[in-house]
Amino acid sequence: MDDKNRDFEITPKLVFDLNLALYLDLVAALEGAGAVTYRQMAARVLNISMDARNDGEAGLSTVLEGIARGFAGHGDGLSIELLKAARSLREDDALGDIPMRPDLG
């Protein structure tokens, strides 16, 4: 078993890809449980993407926007362009993008 692992190299790309895969699986589980919607996740990832672009991180922004497009394509298929235009509205729950805390009482 040590021989197999000896040539295995953990690269930054591999770490990123594995983290992304785990994150996407987590979002799918949370959506399935009704804790978050794909639209909410699309809005959050798109916000991060737009911030990255504003910070000069075009490559990261492009990757994150692609992920946001994937989330937006699930469910009601809300467009990324609409989410971009509605960015300033997301501070309230006008589009339902802010999940409400569960009522514990």
PDB file of N, CA and C in Angstrom:
ATOM      1  N   MET A   1       0.820  -1.183   0.000  1.00  0.00           N
ATOM      2  CA  MET A   1       0.000   0.000   0.000  1.00  0.00           C
ATOM      3  C   MET A   1       0.870   1.255   0.000  1.00  0.00           C
ATOM      4  N   ASP A   2       2.003   1.219   0.655  1.00  0.00           N
ATOM      5  CA  ASP A   2       2.893   2.370   0.671  1.00  0.00           C
ATOM      6  C   ASP A   2       3.411   2.693  -0.716  1.00  0.00           C
ATOM      7  N   ASP A   3       3.612   1.675  -1.570  1.00  0.00           N
ATOM      8  CA  ASP A   3       4.099   1.908  -2.923  1.00  0.00           C
ATOM      9  C   ASP A   3       3.107   2.721  -3.742  1.00  0.00           C
ATOM     10  N   LYS A   4       1.830   2.484  -3.572  1.00  0.00           N
ATOM     11  CA  LYS A   4       0.805   3.233  -4.305  1.00  0.00           C
ATOM     12  C   LYS A   4       0.796   4.700  -3.884  1.00  0.00           C
ATOM     13  N   ASN A   5       0.942   4.966  -2.622  1.00  0.00           N
ATOM     14  CA  ASN A   5       0.857   6.324  -2.104  1.00  0.00           C
ATOM     15  C   ASN A   5       2.138   7.126  -2.306  1.00  0.00           C
ATOM     16  N   ARG A   6       3.228   6.460  -2.548  1.00  0.00           N
ATOM     17  CA  ARG A   6       4.510   7.138  -2.674  1.00  0.00           C
ATOM     18  C   ARG A   6       4.514   8.111  -3.861  1.00  0.00           C
ATOM     19  N   ASP A   7       3.893   7.733  -4.980  1.00  0.00           N
ATOM     20  CA  ASP A   7       3.886   8.567  -6.180  1.00  0.00           C
ATOM     21  C   ASP A   7       2.671   9.501  -6.246  1.00  0.00           C
ATOM     22  N   PHE A   8       1.848   9.465  -5.251  1.00  0.00           N
ATOM     23  CA  PHE A   8       0.659  10.315  -5.232  1.00  0.00           C
ATOM     24  C   PHE A   8       1.033  11.707  -4.747  1.00  0.00           C
ATOM     25  N   GLU A   9       0.811  12.707  -5.612  1.00  0.00           N
ATOM     26  CA  GLU A   9       1.181  14.069  -5.257  1.00  0.00           C
ATOM     27  C   GLU A   9      -0.071  14.901  -4.997  1.00  0.00           C
ATOM     28  N   ILE A  10      -0.103  15.529  -3.861  1.00  0.00           N
ATOM     29  CA  ILE A  10      -1.218  16.411  -3.519  1.00  0.00           C
ATOM     30  C   ILE A  10      -0.859  17.807  -4.023  1.00  0.00           C
ATOM     31  N   THR A  11      -1.563  18.231  -5.066  1.00  0.00           N
ATOM     32  CA  THR A  11      -1.307  19.529  -5.679  1.00  0.00           C
ATOM     33  C   THR A  11      -2.374  20.523  -5.238  1.00  0.00           C
ATOM     34  N   PRO A  12      -2.106  21.815  -5.372  1.00  0.00           N
ATOM     35  CA  PRO A  12      -3.131  22.813  -5.050  1.00  0.00           C
ATOM     36  C   PRO A  12      -4.414  22.607  -5.866  1.00  0.00           C
ATOM     37  N   LYS A  13      -4.273  22.213  -7.136  1.00  0.00           N
ATOM     38  CA  LYS A  13      -5.461  21.978  -7.960  1.00  0.00           C
ATOM     39  C   LYS A  13      -6.280  20.813  -7.425  1.00  0.00           C
ATOM     40  N   LEU A  14      -5.618  19.740  -7.011  1.00  0.00           N
ATOM     41  CA  LEU A  14      -6.318  18.590  -6.452  1.00  0.00           C
ATOM     42  C   LEU A  14      -7.060  18.990  -5.179  1.00  0.00           C
ATOM     43  N   VAL A  15      -6.411  19.741  -4.324  1.00  0.00           N
ATOM     44  CA  VAL A  15      -7.046  20.196  -3.082  1.00  0.00           C
ATOM     45  C   VAL A  15      -8.265  21.060  -3.400  1.00  0.00           C
ATOM     46  N   PHE A  16      -8.122  21.983  -4.350  1.00  0.00           N
ATOM     47  CA  PHE A  16      -9.248  22.838  -4.742  1.00  0.00           C
ATOM     48  C   PHE A  16     -10.392  21.997  -5.289  1.00  0.00           C
ATOM     49  N   ASP A  17     -10.079  21.065  -6.199  1.00  0.00           N
ATOM     50  CA  ASP A  17     -11.117  20.222  -6.803  1.00  0.00           C
ATOM     51  C   ASP A  17     -11.846  19.385  -5.758  1.00  0.00           C
ATOM     52  N   LEU A  18     -11.115  18.823  -4.800  1.00  0.00           N
ATOM     53  CA  LEU A  18     -11.746  18.018  -3.749  1.00  0.00           C
ATOM     54  C   LEU A  18     -12.606  18.879  -2.831  1.00  0.00           C
ATOM     55  N   ASN A  19     -12.104  20.058  -2.478  1.00  0.00           N
ATOM     56  CA  ASN A  19     -12.900  20.971  -1.655  1.00  0.00           C
ATOM     57  C   ASN A  19     -14.174  21.377  -2.371  1.00  0.00           C
ATOM     58  N   LEU A  20     -14.059  21.677  -3.663  1.00  0.00           N
ATOM     59  CA  LEU A  20     -15.226  22.064  -4.453  1.00  0.00           C
ATOM     60  C   LEU A  20     -16.236  20.925  -4.522  1.00  0.00           C
ATOM     61  N   ALA A  21     -15.764  19.702  -4.750  1.00  0.00           N
ATOM     62  CA  ALA A  21     -16.664  18.548  -4.821  1.00  0.00           C
ATOM     63  C   ALA A  21     -17.400  18.344  -3.500  1.00  0.00           C
ATOM     64  N   LEU A  22     -16.683  18.458  -2.394  1.00  0.00           N
ATOM     65  CA  LEU A  22     -17.326  18.326  -1.079  1.00  0.00           C
ATOM     66  C   LEU A  22     -18.339  19.432  -0.838  1.00  0.00           C
ATOM     67  N   TYR A  23     -17.995  20.660  -1.234  1.00  0.00           N
ATOM     68  CA  TYR A  23     -18.893  21.795  -1.072  1.00  0.00           C
ATOM     69  C   TYR A  23     -20.173  21.584  -1.882  1.00  0.00           C
ATOM     70  N   LEU A  24     -20.032  21.145  -3.128  1.00  0.00           N
ATOM     71  CA  LEU A  24     -21.202  20.922  -3.973  1.00  0.00           C
ATOM     72  C   LEU A  24     -22.081  19.808  -3.411  1.00  0.00           C
ATOM     73  N   ASP A  25     -21.469  18.757  -2.884  1.00  0.00           N
ATOM     74  CA  ASP A  25     -22.244  17.691  -2.245  1.00  0.00           C
ATOM     75  C   ASP A  25     -22.977  18.207  -1.013  1.00  0.00           C
ATOM     76  N   LEU A  26     -22.315  19.051  -0.234  1.00  0.00           N
ATOM     77  CA  LEU A  26     -22.956  19.625   0.945  1.00  0.00           C
ATOM     78  C   LEU A  26     -24.152  20.483   0.559  1.00  0.00           C
ATOM     79  N   VAL A  27     -23.993  21.296  -0.472  1.00  0.00           N
ATOM     80  CA  VAL A  27     -25.112  22.138  -0.928  1.00  0.00           C
ATOM     81  C   VAL A  27     -26.268  21.262  -1.389  1.00  0.00           C
ATOM     82  N   ALA A  28     -25.981  20.201  -2.120  1.00  0.00           N
ATOM     83  CA  ALA A  28     -27.045  19.303  -2.575  1.00  0.00           C
ATOM     84  C   ALA A  28     -27.777  18.687  -1.387  1.00  0.00           C
ATOM     85  N   ALA A  29     -27.034  18.293  -0.361  1.00  0.00           N
ATOM     86  CA  ALA A  29     -27.665  17.719   0.837  1.00  0.00           C
ATOM     87  C   ALA A  29     -28.509  18.764   1.560  1.00  0.00           C
ATOM     88  N   LEU A  30     -27.994  19.981   1.693  1.00  0.00           N
ATOM     89  CA  LEU A  30     -28.752  21.042   2.366  1.00  0.00           C
ATOM     90  C   LEU A  30     -30.004  21.405   1.579  1.00  0.00           C
ATOM     91  N   GLU A  31     -29.899  21.416   0.258  1.00  0.00           N
ATOM     92  CA  GLU A  31     -31.064  21.713  -0.571  1.00  0.00           C
ATOM     93  C   GLU A  31     -32.089  20.606  -0.430  1.00  0.00           C
ATOM     94  N   GLY A  32     -31.622  19.372  -0.428  1.00  0.00           N
ATOM     95  CA  GLY A  32     -32.531  18.239  -0.272  1.00  0.00           C
ATOM     96  C   GLY A  32     -33.252  18.247   1.063  1.00  0.00           C
ATOM     97  N   ALA A  33     -32.592  18.765   2.090  1.00  0.00           N
ATOM     98  CA  ALA A  33     -33.196  18.844   3.425  1.00  0.00           C
ATOM     99  C   ALA A  33     -34.064  20.086   3.592  1.00  0.00           C
ATOM    100  N   GLY A  34     -34.071  20.960   2.593  1.00  0.00           N
ATOM    101  CA  GLY A  34     -34.890  22.166   2.669  1.00  0.00           C
ATOM    102  C   GLY A  34     -34.258  23.284   3.477  1.00  0.00           C
ATOM    103  N   ALA A  35     -32.963  23.168   3.783  1.00  0.00           N
ATOM    104  CA  ALA A  35     -32.298  24.190   4.594  1.00  0.00           C
ATOM    105  C   ALA A  35     -31.848  25.386   3.767  1.00  0.00           C
ATOM    106  N   VAL A  36     -31.610  25.173   2.485  1.00  0.00           N
ATOM    107  CA  VAL A  36     -31.146  26.233   1.596  1.00  0.00           C
ATOM    108  C   VAL A  36     -31.599  25.876   0.182  1.00  0.00           C
ATOM    109  N   THR A  37     -31.790  26.877  -0.646  1.00  0.00           N
ATOM    110  CA  THR A  37     -32.178  26.614  -2.032  1.00  0.00           C
ATOM    111  C   THR A  37     -30.990  26.844  -2.958  1.00  0.00           C
ATOM    112  N   TYR A  38     -31.076  26.268  -4.130  1.00  0.00           N
ATOM    113  CA  TYR A  38     -30.027  26.490  -5.116  1.00  0.00           C
ATOM    114  C   TYR A  38     -29.949  27.974  -5.494  1.00  0.00           C
ATOM    115  N   ARG A  39     -31.078  28.656  -5.517  1.00  0.00           N
ATOM    116  CA  ARG A  39     -31.074  30.085  -5.832  1.00  0.00           C
ATOM    117  C   ARG A  39     -30.309  30.861  -4.762  1.00  0.00           C
ATOM    118  N   GLN A  40     -30.506  30.502  -3.513  1.00  0.00           N
ATOM    119  CA  GLN A  40     -29.763  31.169  -2.440  1.00  0.00           C
ATOM    120  C   GLN A  40     -28.268  30.936  -2.599  1.00  0.00           C
ATOM    121  N   MET A  41     -27.885  29.714  -2.924  1.00  0.00           N
ATOM    122  CA  MET A  41     -26.468  29.421  -3.093  1.00  0.00           C
ATOM    123  C   MET A  41     -25.911  30.126  -4.318  1.00  0.00           C
ATOM    124  N   ALA A  42     -26.699  30.196  -5.398  1.00  0.00           N
ATOM    125  CA  ALA A  42     -26.257  30.918  -6.595  1.00  0.00           C
ATOM    126  C   ALA A  42     -25.984  32.379  -6.258  1.00  0.00           C
ATOM    127  N   ALA A  43     -26.877  32.984  -5.489  1.00  0.00           N
ATOM    128  CA  ALA A  43     -26.705  34.390  -5.116  1.00  0.00           C
ATOM    129  C   ALA A  43     -25.463  34.584  -4.263  1.00  0.00           C
ATOM    130  N   ARG A  44     -25.227  33.701  -3.327  1.00  0.00           N
ATOM    131  CA  ARG A  44     -24.055  33.832  -2.454  1.00  0.00           C
ATOM    132  C   ARG A  44     -22.748  33.663  -3.234  1.00  0.00           C
ATOM    133  N   VAL A  45     -22.684  32.625  -4.061  1.00  0.00           N
ATOM    134  CA  VAL A  45     -21.470  32.382  -4.827  1.00  0.00           C
ATOM    135  C   VAL A  45     -21.253  33.507  -5.837  1.00  0.00           C
ATOM    136  N   LEU A  46     -22.336  34.008  -6.423  1.00  0.00           N
ATOM    137  CA  LEU A  46     -22.218  35.115  -7.367  1.00  0.00           C
ATOM    138  C   LEU A  46     -21.692  36.367  -6.667  1.00  0.00           C
ATOM    139  N   ASN A  47     -22.144  36.623  -5.449  1.00  0.00           N
ATOM    140  CA  ASN A  47     -21.620  37.767  -4.686  1.00  0.00           C
ATOM    141  C   ASN A  47     -20.110  37.647  -4.501  1.00  0.00           C
ATOM    142  N   ILE A  48     -19.653  36.460  -4.138  1.00  0.00           N
ATOM    143  CA  ILE A  48     -18.218  36.243  -3.945  1.00  0.00           C
ATOM    144  C   ILE A  48     -17.481  36.435  -5.271  1.00  0.00           C
ATOM    145  N   SER A  49     -18.078  35.934  -6.350  1.00  0.00           N
ATOM    146  CA  SER A  49     -17.488  36.080  -7.678  1.00  0.00           C
ATOM    147  C   SER A  49     -17.343  37.549  -8.059  1.00  0.00           C
ATOM    148  N   MET A  50     -18.387  38.322  -7.832  1.00  0.00           N
ATOM    149  CA  MET A  50     -18.351  39.741  -8.190  1.00  0.00           C
ATOM    150  C   MET A  50     -17.336  40.496  -7.332  1.00  0.00           C
ATOM    151  N   ASP A  51     -17.231  40.128  -6.068  1.00  0.00           N
ATOM    152  CA  ASP A  51     -16.219  40.741  -5.197  1.00  0.00           C
ATOM    153  C   ASP A  51     -14.812  40.382  -5.673  1.00  0.00           C
ATOM    154  N   ALA A  52     -14.618  39.123  -6.077  1.00  0.00           N
ATOM    155  CA  ALA A  52     -13.307  38.700  -6.572  1.00  0.00           C
ATOM    156  C   ALA A  52     -12.939  39.477  -7.830  1.00  0.00           C
ATOM    157  N   ARG A  53     -13.893  39.678  -8.720  1.00  0.00           N
ATOM    158  CA  ARG A  53     -13.622  40.437  -9.945  1.00  0.00           C
ATOM    159  C   ARG A  53     -13.252  41.873  -9.602  1.00  0.00           C
ATOM    160  N   ASN A  54     -13.972  42.460  -8.638  1.00  0.00           N
ATOM    161  CA  ASN A  54     -13.657  43.829  -8.209  1.00  0.00           C
ATOM    162  C   ASN A  54     -12.263  43.920  -7.598  1.00  0.00           C
ATOM    163  N   ASP A  55     -11.790  42.818  -7.001  1.00  0.00           N
ATOM    164  CA  ASP A  55     -10.454  42.778  -6.393  1.00  0.00           C
ATOM    165  C   ASP A  55      -9.369  42.412  -7.401  1.00  0.00           C
ATOM    166  N   GLY A  56      -9.733  42.268  -8.682  1.00  0.00           N
ATOM    167  CA  GLY A  56      -8.756  41.946  -9.714  1.00  0.00           C
ATOM    168  C   GLY A  56      -8.483  40.468  -9.894  1.00  0.00           C
ATOM    169  N   GLU A  57      -9.286  39.621  -9.287  1.00  0.00           N
ATOM    170  CA  GLU A  57      -9.113  38.162  -9.378  1.00  0.00           C
ATOM    171  C   GLU A  57     -10.048  37.609 -10.454  1.00  0.00           C
ATOM    172  N   ALA A  58      -9.749  37.908 -11.716  1.00  0.00           N
ATOM    173  CA  ALA A  58     -10.640  37.533 -12.821  1.00  0.00           C
ATOM    174  C   ALA A  58     -10.782  36.014 -12.954  1.00  0.00           C
ATOM    175  N   GLY A  59      -9.691  35.256 -12.806  1.00  0.00           N
ATOM    176  CA  GLY A  59      -9.764  33.799 -12.939  1.00  0.00           C
ATOM    177  C   GLY A  59     -10.677  33.177 -11.905  1.00  0.00           C
ATOM    178  N   LEU A  60     -10.477  33.554 -10.645  1.00  0.00           N
ATOM    179  CA  LEU A  60     -11.323  33.041  -9.565  1.00  0.00           C
ATOM    180  C   LEU A  60     -12.779  33.467  -9.780  1.00  0.00           C
ATOM    181  N   SER A  61     -12.972  34.700 -10.194  1.00  0.00           N
ATOM    182  CA  SER A  61     -14.316  35.207 -10.443  1.00  0.00           C
ATOM    183  C   SER A  61     -15.026  34.381 -11.510  1.00  0.00           C
ATOM    184  N   THR A  62     -14.317  34.044 -12.567  1.00  0.00           N
ATOM    185  CA  THR A  62     -14.907  33.261 -13.658  1.00  0.00           C
ATOM    186  C   THR A  62     -15.312  31.874 -13.178  1.00  0.00           C
ATOM    187  N   VAL A  63     -14.446  31.233 -12.396  1.00  0.00           N
ATOM    188  CA  VAL A  63     -14.757  29.907 -11.858  1.00  0.00           C
ATOM    189  C   VAL A  63     -15.988  29.979 -10.956  1.00  0.00           C
ATOM    190  N   LEU A  64     -16.024  30.956 -10.064  1.00  0.00           N
ATOM    191  CA  LEU A  64     -17.150  31.084  -9.136  1.00  0.00           C
ATOM    192  C   LEU A  64     -18.447  31.417  -9.864  1.00  0.00           C
ATOM    193  N   GLU A  65     -18.360  32.250 -10.907  1.00  0.00           N
ATOM    194  CA  GLU A  65     -19.576  32.552 -11.669  1.00  0.00           C
ATOM    195  C   GLU A  65     -20.098  31.299 -12.363  1.00  0.00           C
ATOM    196  N   GLY A  66     -19.194  30.442 -12.829  1.00  0.00           N
ATOM    197  CA  GLY A  66     -19.621  29.176 -13.422  1.00  0.00           C
ATOM    198  C   GLY A  66     -20.354  28.297 -12.420  1.00  0.00           C
ATOM    199  N   ILE A  67     -19.853  28.266 -11.195  1.00  0.00           N
ATOM    200  CA  ILE A  67     -20.522  27.504 -10.137  1.00  0.00           C
ATOM    201  C   ILE A  67     -21.895  28.110  -9.845  1.00  0.00           C
ATOM    202  N   ALA A  68     -21.943  29.441  -9.766  1.00  0.00           N
ATOM    203  CA  ALA A  68     -23.222  30.124  -9.521  1.00  0.00           C
ATOM    204  C   ALA A  68     -24.216  29.818 -10.640  1.00  0.00           C
ATOM    205  N   ARG A  69     -23.745  29.797 -11.888  1.00  0.00           N
ATOM    206  CA  ARG A  69     -24.630  29.460 -13.014  1.00  0.00           C
ATOM    207  C   ARG A  69     -25.189  28.046 -12.854  1.00  0.00           C
ATOM    208  N   GLY A  70     -24.353  27.129 -12.376  1.00  0.00           N
ATOM    209  CA  GLY A  70     -24.820  25.767 -12.146  1.00  0.00           C
ATOM    210  C   GLY A  70     -25.915  25.710 -11.091  1.00  0.00           C
ATOM    211  N   PHE A  71     -25.715  26.432 -10.001  1.00  0.00           N
ATOM    212  CA  PHE A  71     -26.745  26.478  -8.963  1.00  0.00           C
ATOM    213  C   PHE A  71     -28.014  27.134  -9.484  1.00  0.00           C
ATOM    214  N   ALA A  72     -27.866  28.225 -10.235  1.00  0.00           N
ATOM    215  CA  ALA A  72     -29.038  28.950 -10.745  1.00  0.00           C
ATOM    216  C   ALA A  72     -29.826  28.103 -11.740  1.00  0.00           C
ATOM    217  N   GLY A  73     -29.158  27.182 -12.413  1.00  0.00           N
ATOM    218  CA  GLY A  73     -29.831  26.328 -13.387  1.00  0.00           C
ATOM    219  C   GLY A  73     -30.716  25.268 -12.774  1.00  0.00           C
ATOM    220  N   HIS A  74     -30.574  25.016 -11.477  1.00  0.00           N
ATOM    221  CA  HIS A  74     -31.432  24.044 -10.778  1.00  0.00           C
ATOM    222  C   HIS A  74     -32.735  24.733 -10.380  1.00  0.00           C
ATOM    223  N   GLY A  75     -33.724  23.953 -10.143  1.00  0.00           N
ATOM    224  CA  GLY A  75     -34.987  24.495  -9.621  1.00  0.00           C
ATOM    225  C   GLY A  75     -35.679  25.383 -10.631  1.00  0.00           C
ATOM    226  N   ASP A  76     -35.890  26.651 -10.263  1.00  0.00           N
ATOM    227  CA  ASP A  76     -36.658  27.549 -11.122  1.00  0.00           C
ATOM    228  C   ASP A  76     -35.836  28.178 -12.235  1.00  0.00           C
ATOM    229  N   GLY A  77     -34.541  27.889 -12.320  1.00  0.00           N
ATOM    230  CA  GLY A  77     -33.712  28.350 -13.419  1.00  0.00           C
ATOM    231  C   GLY A  77     -33.538  29.853 -13.499  1.00  0.00           C
ATOM    232  N   LEU A  78     -33.450  30.518 -12.368  1.00  0.00           N
ATOM    233  CA  LEU A  78     -33.258  31.959 -12.330  1.00  0.00           C
ATOM    234  C   LEU A  78     -31.962  32.328 -13.036  1.00  0.00           C
ATOM    235  N   SER A  79     -31.979  33.398 -13.835  1.00  0.00           N
ATOM    236  CA  SER A  79     -30.794  33.749 -14.611  1.00  0.00           C
ATOM    237  C   SER A  79     -29.754  34.466 -13.761  1.00  0.00           C
ATOM    238  N   ILE A  80     -28.499  34.255 -14.133  1.00  0.00           N
ATOM    239  CA  ILE A  80     -27.384  34.928 -13.461  1.00  0.00           C
ATOM    240  C   ILE A  80     -27.496  36.432 -13.662  1.00  0.00           C
ATOM    241  N   GLU A  81     -27.930  36.850 -14.840  1.00  0.00           N
ATOM    242  CA  GLU A  81     -28.041  38.284 -15.105  1.00  0.00           C
ATOM    243  C   GLU A  81     -29.024  38.941 -14.136  1.00  0.00           C
ATOM    244  N   LEU A  82     -30.130  38.267 -13.855  1.00  0.00           N
ATOM    245  CA  LEU A  82     -31.089  38.799 -12.886  1.00  0.00           C
ATOM    246  C   LEU A  82     -30.478  38.838 -11.492  1.00  0.00           C
ATOM    247  N   LEU A  83     -29.736  37.796 -11.128  1.00  0.00           N
ATOM    248  CA  LEU A  83     -29.082  37.787  -9.820  1.00  0.00           C
ATOM    249  C   LEU A  83     -28.042  38.903  -9.716  1.00  0.00           C
ATOM    250  N   LYS A  84     -27.314  39.160 -10.814  1.00  0.00           N
ATOM    251  CA  LYS A  84     -26.345  40.258 -10.803  1.00  0.00           C
ATOM    252  C   LYS A  84     -27.053  41.587 -10.604  1.00  0.00           C
ATOM    253  N   ALA A  85     -28.161  41.790 -11.325  1.00  0.00           N
ATOM    254  CA  ALA A  85     -28.897  43.044 -11.228  1.00  0.00           C
ATOM    255  C   ALA A  85     -29.506  43.222  -9.843  1.00  0.00           C
ATOM    256  N   ALA A  86     -29.850  42.125  -9.193  1.00  0.00           N
ATOM    257  CA  ALA A  86     -30.521  42.187  -7.892  1.00  0.00           C
ATOM    258  C   ALA A  86     -29.549  42.147  -6.728  1.00  0.00           C
ATOM    259  N   ARG A  87     -28.267  42.271  -6.994  1.00  0.00           N
ATOM    260  CA  ARG A  87     -27.270  42.142  -5.922  1.00  0.00           C
ATOM    261  C   ARG A  87     -27.552  43.076  -4.747  1.00  0.00           C
ATOM    262  N   SER A  88     -27.910  44.291  -5.014  1.00  0.00           N
ATOM    263  CA  SER A  88     -28.146  45.244  -3.921  1.00  0.00           C
ATOM    264  C   SER A  88     -29.395  44.903  -3.122  1.00  0.00           C
ATOM    265  N   LEU A  89     -30.297  44.140  -3.700  1.00  0.00           N
ATOM    266  CA  LEU A  89     -31.522  43.761  -2.985  1.00  0.00           C
ATOM    267  C   LEU A  89     -31.291  42.617  -2.020  1.00  0.00           C
ATOM    268  N   ARG A  90     -30.182  41.921  -2.160  1.00  0.00           N
ATOM    269  CA  ARG A  90     -29.975  40.723  -1.370  1.00  0.00           C
ATOM    270  C   ARG A  90     -29.748  40.989   0.104  1.00  0.00           C
ATOM    271  N   GLU A  91     -29.578  42.224   0.478  1.00  0.00           N
ATOM    272  CA  GLU A  91     -29.425  42.519   1.899  1.00  0.00           C
ATOM    273  C   GLU A  91     -30.737  42.330   2.648  1.00  0.00           C
ATOM    274  N   ASP A  92     -31.841  42.336   1.925  1.00  0.00           N
ATOM    275  CA  ASP A  92     -33.106  41.944   2.543  1.00  0.00           C
ATOM    276  C   ASP A  92     -33.540  40.652   1.855  1.00  0.00           C
ATOM    277  N   ASP A  93     -34.701  40.169   2.172  1.00  0.00           N
ATOM    278  CA  ASP A  93     -35.094  38.904   1.566  1.00  0.00           C
ATOM    279  C   ASP A  93     -36.084  39.131   0.436  1.00  0.00           C
ATOM    280  N   ALA A  94     -35.873  40.186  -0.367  1.00  0.00           N
ATOM    281  CA  ALA A  94     -36.763  40.495  -1.478  1.00  0.00           C
ATOM    282  C   ALA A  94     -36.829  39.354  -2.491  1.00  0.00           C
ATOM    283  N   LEU A  95     -35.736  38.689  -2.746  1.00  0.00           N
ATOM    284  CA  LEU A  95     -35.741  37.563  -3.666  1.00  0.00           C
ATOM    285  C   LEU A  95     -35.698  36.230  -2.932  1.00  0.00           C
ATOM    286  N   GLY A  96     -35.820  36.249  -1.631  1.00  0.00           N
ATOM    287  CA  GLY A  96     -35.762  35.014  -0.867  1.00  0.00           C
ATOM    288  C   GLY A  96     -34.355  34.452  -0.771  1.00  0.00           C
ATOM    289  N   ASP A  97     -33.353  35.299  -0.945  1.00  0.00           N
ATOM    290  CA  ASP A  97     -31.984  34.817  -0.958  1.00  0.00           C
ATOM    291  C   ASP A  97     -31.357  34.774   0.422  1.00  0.00           C
ATOM    292  N   ILE A  98     -32.024  35.300   1.419  1.00  0.00           N
ATOM    293  CA  ILE A  98     -31.506  35.252   2.779  1.00  0.00           C
ATOM    294  C   ILE A  98     -32.338  34.227   3.545  1.00  0.00           C
ATOM    295  N   PRO A  99     -31.731  33.098   3.924  1.00  0.00           N
ATOM    296  CA  PRO A  99     -32.518  32.111   4.650  1.00  0.00           C
ATOM    297  C   PRO A  99     -32.897  32.629   6.030  1.00  0.00           C
ATOM    298  N   MET A 100     -34.069  32.287   6.423  1.00  0.00           N
ATOM    299  CA  MET A 100     -34.546  32.710   7.741  1.00  0.00           C
ATOM    300  C   MET A 100     -34.080  31.698   8.790  1.00  0.00           C
ATOM    301  N   ARG A 101     -33.797  32.201   9.981  1.00  0.00           N
ATOM    302  CA  ARG A 101     -33.420  31.291  11.065  1.00  0.00           C
ATOM    303  C   ARG A 101     -34.626  30.431  11.426  1.00  0.00           C
ATOM    304  N   PRO A 102     -34.371  29.184  11.776  1.00  0.00           N
ATOM    305  CA  PRO A 102     -35.490  28.323  12.142  1.00  0.00           C
ATOM    306  C   PRO A 102     -36.156  28.811  13.415  1.00  0.00           C
ATOM    307  N   ASP A 103     -37.449  28.665  13.482  1.00  0.00           N
ATOM    308  CA  ASP A 103     -38.192  29.048  14.677  1.00  0.00           C
ATOM    309  C   ASP A 103     -38.039  27.945  15.705  1.00  0.00           C
ATOM    310  N   LEU A 104     -37.287  28.231  16.750  1.00  0.00           N
ATOM    311  CA  LEU A 104     -37.011  27.225  17.769  1.00  0.00           C
ATOM    312  C   LEU A 104     -38.020  27.256  18.915  1.00  0.00           C
ATOM    313  N   GLY A 105     -38.931  28.194  18.856  1.00  0.00           N
ATOM    314  CA  GLY A 105     -39.867  28.334  19.966  1.00  0.00           C
ATOM    315  C   GLY A 105     -41.134  27.624  19.829  1.00  0.00           C
TER     316      GLY A 105
END
